[in-house]
Protein backbone atom coordinates (compact mmCIF):
# COMPACT_ATOMS: atom_id res chain seq x y z
CA MET A 1 72.73 98.69 117.55
CA PHE A 2 70.12 96.67 119.46
CA GLU A 3 72.84 95.25 121.72
CA LEU A 4 74.07 98.75 122.49
CA LEU A 5 70.56 99.88 123.43
CA ARG A 6 70.10 96.76 125.57
CA LYS A 7 73.34 97.42 127.46
CA ALA A 8 72.40 101.06 128.00
CA ALA A 9 69.03 99.99 129.39
CA ILE A 10 70.60 97.50 131.77
CA LEU A 11 73.11 100.08 133.00
CA GLY A 12 70.43 102.73 133.47
CA LEU A 13 68.09 100.45 135.39
CA GLY A 14 70.99 99.01 137.39
CA ALA A 15 72.01 102.51 138.42
CA ILE A 16 68.50 103.18 139.66
CA ASP A 17 68.49 99.94 141.68
CA LEU A 18 71.88 100.79 143.17
CA SER A 19 70.66 104.28 144.01
CA GLU A 20 67.62 102.83 145.80
CA LYS A 21 69.89 100.64 147.91
CA LYS A 22 72.11 103.59 148.80
CA ILE A 23 69.08 105.76 149.60
CA LYS A 24 67.73 103.11 151.98
CA GLU A 25 71.12 102.90 153.68
CA LEU A 26 71.32 106.70 154.00
CA VAL A 27 67.82 107.03 155.45
CA ASN A 28 68.44 104.16 157.88
CA ASP A 29 71.71 105.81 158.92
CA LEU A 30 69.94 109.12 159.55
CA VAL A 31 67.37 107.34 161.72
CA LYS A 32 70.06 105.47 163.67
CA ARG A 33 71.95 108.71 164.35
CA GLY A 34 68.71 110.33 165.55
CA GLU A 35 68.78 113.07 162.92
CA ILE A 36 65.27 112.13 161.78
CA LYS A 37 62.48 110.15 163.40
CA LYS A 38 61.75 106.63 162.22
CA SER A 39 58.34 107.73 160.89
CA GLU A 40 59.96 110.61 159.00
CA GLY A 41 62.54 108.21 157.61
CA ALA A 42 59.85 105.84 156.37
CA LYS A 43 57.95 108.72 154.77
CA LEU A 44 61.10 110.12 153.15
CA LEU A 45 62.13 106.69 151.89
CA ASP A 46 58.66 106.06 150.46
CA GLU A 47 58.65 109.42 148.69
CA ILE A 48 62.11 108.91 147.19
CA LEU A 49 61.33 105.36 146.07
CA LYS A 50 58.13 106.51 144.38
CA LYS A 51 60.11 109.12 142.46
CA ALA A 52 62.72 106.50 141.56
CA GLU A 53 59.99 104.18 140.26
CA LYS A 54 58.55 107.02 138.18
CA SER A 55 62.01 107.67 136.76
CA ARG A 56 62.47 103.97 136.03
CA THR A 57 59.16 103.87 134.15
CA GLU A 58 60.10 106.94 132.12
CA ILE A 59 63.51 105.44 131.28
CA GLU A 60 61.91 102.16 130.20
CA LYS A 61 59.49 104.04 127.92
CA LYS A 62 62.31 106.02 126.35
CA ILE A 63 64.32 102.86 125.80
CA GLN A 64 61.35 101.14 124.17
CA GLU A 65 60.80 104.16 121.92
CA GLY A 66 64.48 104.15 121.00
CA ILE A 67 64.39 100.46 120.13
CA ARG A 68 61.22 100.92 118.06
CA THR A 69 62.79 103.82 116.19
CA ALA A 70 65.99 101.86 115.58
CA LEU A 71 64.03 98.87 114.27
CA GLN A 72 62.00 101.10 111.97
CA LYS A 73 65.16 102.66 110.60
CA ILE A 74 66.62 99.28 109.73
CA ASP A 75 63.24 98.20 108.35
CA ILE A 76 62.60 95.15 110.51
CA VAL A 77 59.00 93.97 110.65
CA GLN A 78 57.52 93.67 114.13
CA LYS A 79 55.97 90.33 115.08
CA LYS A 80 52.50 91.81 115.56
CA ASP A 81 52.60 93.30 112.06
CA LEU A 82 53.81 90.03 110.59
CA ASP A 83 51.10 88.07 112.42
CA ALA A 84 48.43 90.43 111.09
CA LYS A 85 49.73 90.02 107.55
CA VAL A 86 49.77 86.22 107.88
CA LYS A 87 46.17 86.21 109.11
CA SER A 88 45.15 88.43 106.22
CA LEU A 89 46.85 86.12 103.71
CA GLU A 90 45.28 83.03 105.29
CA LYS A 91 41.86 84.66 104.97
CA LYS A 92 42.48 85.45 101.30
CA ILE A 93 43.65 81.87 100.65
CA GLU A 94 40.45 80.52 102.19
CA GLN A 95 38.38 82.87 100.03
CA LEU A 96 40.26 81.74 96.92
CA LYS A 97 39.78 78.07 97.85
CA LYS A 98 36.03 78.59 98.18
CA LYS A 99 35.94 80.43 94.87
CA VAL A 100 37.86 77.64 93.10
CA GLU A 101 35.59 74.96 94.64
CA LYS A 102 32.49 76.74 93.30
CA GLU A 103 33.85 76.82 89.76
């Protein structure tokens, strides 16, 4: 399941990158043909790329949420949770050692 989500993420982000390349080519072509001014082309390109970046960020968040949900469903412990538990157990062991030494 994780592999499927990973592949979907790569395809989605790859499509956005490809779209950005095509958008740049299209805007440059419009400028070369004189249909828009160079300054307008730069502004249009900047606006489109900002929207693409926003979309990329939203897609990444959704993918991360999907992965988290999938991991929760298959009951896999996250590293941060495991680290917290280990620290808690280490603290308890130290407390028990001190208690045993006093007795």
